[in-house]
Amino acid sequence: MSIWWSLHLRREAASVPLARRLLLGTMETAGVDPEVSYDLSVALTEACANAVEHGGGRASGAYRVTAYLDGEKCRIEVTDSGPGFTRTTSRSAPAPAADDAEHGRGLCLIRELADHVHFGNKPGRGGAVVSFDKMLKWRDNAPLMTAS
């Protein structure tokens, strides 16, 4: 069985926990292993926080989160209308933040927590796209686990 959902959220800090709770609730209901759910929720939180902070000027007050649970994989995509990533960021690992930095660790965290990560830009008008996926593990007797 597959589950997918998409949210169109305002670029406000209060939107980040909303997306995280929806993801965690979906995964709990589906029967996904709590450790996998936690990793994906932290990665989602970082991607959403990045969209809120860097996702565009006043004219672009929203961003989108889409999540797919399909078979044995979860794929999450966060898209904003900001300036997008530089070529360096989208093609290689982000530079590590300084030890005393208050910001700059989110993209590195996403890379560590997910199995596959892509940082890119929307074609045309611009905007960043952060997509990542992770193989799912299921609890025993998970209600939505696909039959093997």
C-alpha atoms as a PDB file:
ATOM      1  CA  MET A   1       0.000   0.000   0.000  1.00  0.00           C
ATOM      2  CA  SER A   2       1.134   3.536  -0.708  1.00  0.00           C
ATOM      3  CA  ILE A   3       0.484   6.735   1.193  1.00  0.00           C
ATOM      4  CA  TRP A   4       1.287  10.229   0.012  1.00  0.00           C
ATOM      5  CA  TRP A   5       0.439  13.701   1.179  1.00  0.00           C
ATOM      6  CA  SER A   6       1.367  17.234   0.278  1.00  0.00           C
ATOM      7  CA  LEU A   7       1.247  20.397   2.378  1.00  0.00           C
ATOM      8  CA  HIS A   8       1.373  24.002   1.241  1.00  0.00           C
ATOM      9  CA  LEU A   9       2.722  25.879   4.276  1.00  0.00           C
ATOM     10  CA  ARG A  10       3.446  29.476   5.173  1.00  0.00           C
ATOM     11  CA  ARG A  11       7.090  30.319   5.683  1.00  0.00           C
ATOM     12  CA  GLU A  12       6.668  30.648   9.426  1.00  0.00           C
ATOM     13  CA  ALA A  13       8.471  28.807  12.184  1.00  0.00           C
ATOM     14  CA  ALA A  14       5.145  27.404  13.456  1.00  0.00           C
ATOM     15  CA  SER A  15       4.719  25.407  10.240  1.00  0.00           C
ATOM     16  CA  VAL A  16       7.766  23.227  10.893  1.00  0.00           C
ATOM     17  CA  PRO A  17       6.377  21.193  13.825  1.00  0.00           C
ATOM     18  CA  LEU A  18       3.097  20.774  11.936  1.00  0.00           C
ATOM     19  CA  ALA A  19       4.872  19.016   9.056  1.00  0.00           C
ATOM     20  CA  ARG A  20       6.937  16.951  11.479  1.00  0.00           C
ATOM     21  CA  ARG A  21       3.886  15.799  13.473  1.00  0.00           C
ATOM     22  CA  LEU A  22       1.998  14.843  10.319  1.00  0.00           C
ATOM     23  CA  LEU A  23       4.943  12.741   9.140  1.00  0.00           C
ATOM     24  CA  LEU A  24       5.376  11.058  12.529  1.00  0.00           C
ATOM     25  CA  GLY A  25       1.643  10.345  12.790  1.00  0.00           C
ATOM     26  CA  THR A  26       1.543   8.867   9.304  1.00  0.00           C
ATOM     27  CA  MET A  27       4.511   6.627  10.010  1.00  0.00           C
ATOM     28  CA  GLU A  28       3.181   5.499  13.379  1.00  0.00           C
ATOM     29  CA  THR A  29      -0.196   4.640  11.840  1.00  0.00           C
ATOM     30  CA  ALA A  30       1.490   2.760   8.998  1.00  0.00           C
ATOM     31  CA  GLY A  31       3.689   0.791  11.417  1.00  0.00           C
ATOM     32  CA  VAL A  32       7.117   2.156  10.487  1.00  0.00           C
ATOM     33  CA  ASP A  33       9.942   1.419  12.929  1.00  0.00           C
ATOM     34  CA  PRO A  34      10.275   4.356  15.388  1.00  0.00           C
ATOM     35  CA  GLU A  35      14.017   4.834  14.740  1.00  0.00           C
ATOM     36  CA  VAL A  36      13.447   5.263  11.005  1.00  0.00           C
ATOM     37  CA  SER A  37      10.508   7.590  11.699  1.00  0.00           C
ATOM     38  CA  TYR A  38      12.652   9.689  14.017  1.00  0.00           C
ATOM     39  CA  ASP A  39      15.513   9.990  11.500  1.00  0.00           C
ATOM     40  CA  LEU A  40      13.128  11.088   8.758  1.00  0.00           C
ATOM     41  CA  SER A  41      11.344  13.530  11.045  1.00  0.00           C
ATOM     42  CA  VAL A  42      14.629  15.219  12.005  1.00  0.00           C
ATOM     43  CA  ALA A  43      15.645  15.429   8.330  1.00  0.00           C
ATOM     44  CA  LEU A  44      12.230  16.889   7.459  1.00  0.00           C
ATOM     45  CA  THR A  45      12.528  19.417  10.280  1.00  0.00           C
ATOM     46  CA  GLU A  46      15.891  20.580   8.925  1.00  0.00           C
ATOM     47  CA  ALA A  47      14.600  20.843   5.343  1.00  0.00           C
ATOM     48  CA  CYS A  48      11.531  22.817   6.482  1.00  0.00           C
ATOM     49  CA  ALA A  49      13.618  25.120   8.674  1.00  0.00           C
ATOM     50  CA  ASN A  50      15.854  25.780   5.671  1.00  0.00           C
ATOM     51  CA  ALA A  51      12.814  26.656   3.525  1.00  0.00           C
ATOM     52  CA  VAL A  52      11.450  28.970   6.230  1.00  0.00           C
ATOM     53  CA  GLU A  53      14.775  30.757   6.639  1.00  0.00           C
ATOM     54  CA  HIS A  54      15.978  30.923   3.015  1.00  0.00           C
ATOM     55  CA  GLY A  55      12.839  30.269   0.971  1.00  0.00           C
ATOM     56  CA  GLY A  56      12.324  33.681  -0.593  1.00  0.00           C
ATOM     57  CA  GLY A  57      11.373  37.270  -0.014  1.00  0.00           C
ATOM     58  CA  ARG A  58       8.068  38.647   1.152  1.00  0.00           C
ATOM     59  CA  ALA A  59       6.384  37.848  -2.159  1.00  0.00           C
ATOM     60  CA  SER A  60       6.969  34.124  -1.649  1.00  0.00           C
ATOM     61  CA  GLY A  61       5.436  33.410   1.708  1.00  0.00           C
ATOM     62  CA  ALA A  62       4.964  29.648   1.278  1.00  0.00           C
ATOM     63  CA  TYR A  63       6.743  26.369   0.717  1.00  0.00           C
ATOM     64  CA  ARG A  64       5.590  22.834  -0.062  1.00  0.00           C
ATOM     65  CA  VAL A  65       6.253  19.495   1.622  1.00  0.00           C
ATOM     66  CA  THR A  66       5.393  16.225  -0.098  1.00  0.00           C
ATOM     67  CA  ALA A  67       5.892  12.776   1.439  1.00  0.00           C
ATOM     68  CA  TYR A  68       5.480   9.356  -0.179  1.00  0.00           C
ATOM     69  CA  LEU A  69       5.516   6.051   1.657  1.00  0.00           C
ATOM     70  CA  ASP A  70       5.589   3.461  -1.062  1.00  0.00           C
ATOM     71  CA  GLY A  71       6.464  -0.141  -0.398  1.00  0.00           C
ATOM     72  CA  GLU A  72       9.784  -0.168   1.394  1.00  0.00           C
ATOM     73  CA  LYS A  73      10.826   3.446   0.887  1.00  0.00           C
ATOM     74  CA  CYS A  74       9.821   6.893   2.105  1.00  0.00           C
ATOM     75  CA  ARG A  75      10.595   9.880  -0.111  1.00  0.00           C
ATOM     76  CA  ILE A  76      10.240  13.449   1.111  1.00  0.00           C
ATOM     77  CA  GLU A  77      10.518  16.631  -0.925  1.00  0.00           C
ATOM     78  CA  VAL A  78      10.582  20.215   0.362  1.00  0.00           C
ATOM     79  CA  THR A  79      10.300  22.970  -2.243  1.00  0.00           C
ATOM     80  CA  ASP A  80      10.488  26.730  -1.757  1.00  0.00           C
ATOM     81  CA  SER A  81      10.564  29.857  -3.917  1.00  0.00           C
ATOM     82  CA  GLY A  82      13.857  31.298  -2.735  1.00  0.00           C
ATOM     83  CA  PRO A  83      17.071  31.864  -4.668  1.00  0.00           C
ATOM     84  CA  GLY A  84      17.873  28.151  -4.749  1.00  0.00           C
ATOM     85  CA  PHE A  85      21.178  26.425  -4.206  1.00  0.00           C
ATOM     86  CA  THR A  86      24.501  27.312  -5.711  1.00  0.00           C
ATOM     87  CA  ARG A  87      26.010  24.750  -8.066  1.00  0.00           C
ATOM     88  CA  THR A  88      28.506  23.782  -5.381  1.00  0.00           C
ATOM     89  CA  THR A  89      25.809  22.915  -2.832  1.00  0.00           C
ATOM     90  CA  SER A  90      23.647  20.973  -5.279  1.00  0.00           C
ATOM     91  CA  ARG A  91      26.515  18.852  -6.634  1.00  0.00           C
ATOM     92  CA  SER A  92      28.563  18.104  -3.547  1.00  0.00           C
ATOM     93  CA  ALA A  93      28.306  17.792   0.186  1.00  0.00           C
ATOM     94  CA  PRO A  94      27.663  21.099   1.934  1.00  0.00           C
ATOM     95  CA  ALA A  95      30.666  22.541   3.688  1.00  0.00           C
ATOM     96  CA  PRO A  96      30.663  21.691   7.390  1.00  0.00           C
ATOM     97  CA  ALA A  97      29.754  24.527   9.735  1.00  0.00           C
ATOM     98  CA  ALA A  98      32.304  25.936  12.131  1.00  0.00           C
ATOM     99  CA  ASP A  99      32.279  24.352  15.583  1.00  0.00           C
ATOM    100  CA  ASP A 100      30.834  27.497  17.171  1.00  0.00           C
ATOM    101  CA  ALA A 101      28.308  28.275  14.404  1.00  0.00           C
ATOM    102  CA  GLU A 102      24.630  28.542  15.324  1.00  0.00           C
ATOM    103  CA  HIS A 103      23.477  27.695  11.791  1.00  0.00           C
ATOM    104  CA  GLY A 104      24.677  25.642   8.851  1.00  0.00           C
ATOM    105  CA  ARG A 105      24.357  22.043   9.987  1.00  0.00           C
ATOM    106  CA  GLY A 106      20.917  21.196   8.580  1.00  0.00           C
ATOM    107  CA  LEU A 107      21.935  20.026   5.107  1.00  0.00           C
ATOM    108  CA  CYS A 108      24.736  17.906   6.566  1.00  0.00           C
ATOM    109  CA  LEU A 109      22.271  16.343   9.020  1.00  0.00           C
ATOM    110  CA  ILE A 110      19.892  15.469   6.188  1.00  0.00           C
ATOM    111  CA  ARG A 111      22.743  13.730   4.344  1.00  0.00           C
ATOM    112  CA  GLU A 112      23.584  11.696   7.459  1.00  0.00           C
ATOM    113  CA  LEU A 113      20.011  10.661   8.270  1.00  0.00           C
ATOM    114  CA  ALA A 114      18.718   9.739   4.801  1.00  0.00           C
ATOM    115  CA  ASP A 115      19.849   7.062   2.354  1.00  0.00           C
ATOM    116  CA  HIS A 116      19.734   9.249  -0.780  1.00  0.00           C
ATOM    117  CA  VAL A 117      19.680  13.050  -0.893  1.00  0.00           C
ATOM    118  CA  HIS A 118      19.357  15.571  -3.690  1.00  0.00           C
ATOM    119  CA  PHE A 119      19.737  19.333  -3.370  1.00  0.00           C
ATOM    120  CA  GLY A 120      18.596  21.098  -6.512  1.00  0.00           C
ATOM    121  CA  ASN A 121      16.684  23.998  -7.975  1.00  0.00           C
ATOM    122  CA  LYS A 122      13.261  24.238  -9.564  1.00  0.00           C
ATOM    123  CA  PRO A 123      13.403  24.946 -13.290  1.00  0.00           C
ATOM    124  CA  GLY A 124      12.197  28.314 -14.459  1.00  0.00           C
ATOM    125  CA  ARG A 125      11.360  30.778 -11.708  1.00  0.00           C
ATOM    126  CA  GLY A 126      13.801  29.310  -9.229  1.00  0.00           C
ATOM    127  CA  GLY A 127      13.556  27.966  -5.756  1.00  0.00           C
ATOM    128  CA  ALA A 128      15.296  25.214  -3.869  1.00  0.00           C
ATOM    129  CA  VAL A 129      14.275  21.559  -3.859  1.00  0.00           C
ATOM    130  CA  VAL A 130      15.504  19.257  -1.103  1.00  0.00           C
ATOM    131  CA  SER A 131      14.527  15.636  -1.650  1.00  0.00           C
ATOM    132  CA  PHE A 132      15.603  12.618   0.322  1.00  0.00           C
ATOM    133  CA  ASP A 133      14.572   9.052   0.864  1.00  0.00           C
ATOM    134  CA  LYS A 134      15.156   6.251   3.290  1.00  0.00           C
ATOM    135  CA  MET A 135      14.438   2.556   3.236  1.00  0.00           C
ATOM    136  CA  LEU A 136      11.712   1.692   5.712  1.00  0.00           C
ATOM    137  CA  LYS A 137      11.776  -0.880   8.481  1.00  0.00           C
ATOM    138  CA  TRP A 138       8.460  -2.059   9.846  1.00  0.00           C
ATOM    139  CA  ARG A 139       7.241  -2.972  13.310  1.00  0.00           C
ATOM    140  CA  ASP A 140       5.890  -6.489  13.730  1.00  0.00           C
ATOM    141  CA  ASN A 141       2.283  -6.673  12.511  1.00  0.00           C
ATOM    142  CA  ALA A 142       2.489  -3.235  10.874  1.00  0.00           C
ATOM    143  CA  PRO A 143      -0.966  -2.444   9.477  1.00  0.00           C
ATOM    144  CA  LEU A 144       0.233  -1.032   6.163  1.00  0.00           C
ATOM    145  CA  MET A 145       3.277  -3.175   5.546  1.00  0.00           C
ATOM    146  CA  THR A 146       3.326  -4.609   2.057  1.00  0.00           C
ATOM    147  CA  ALA A 147       3.241  -8.363   1.763  1.00  0.00           C
ATOM    148  CA  SER A 148       6.576  -9.944   0.921  1.00  0.00           C
END
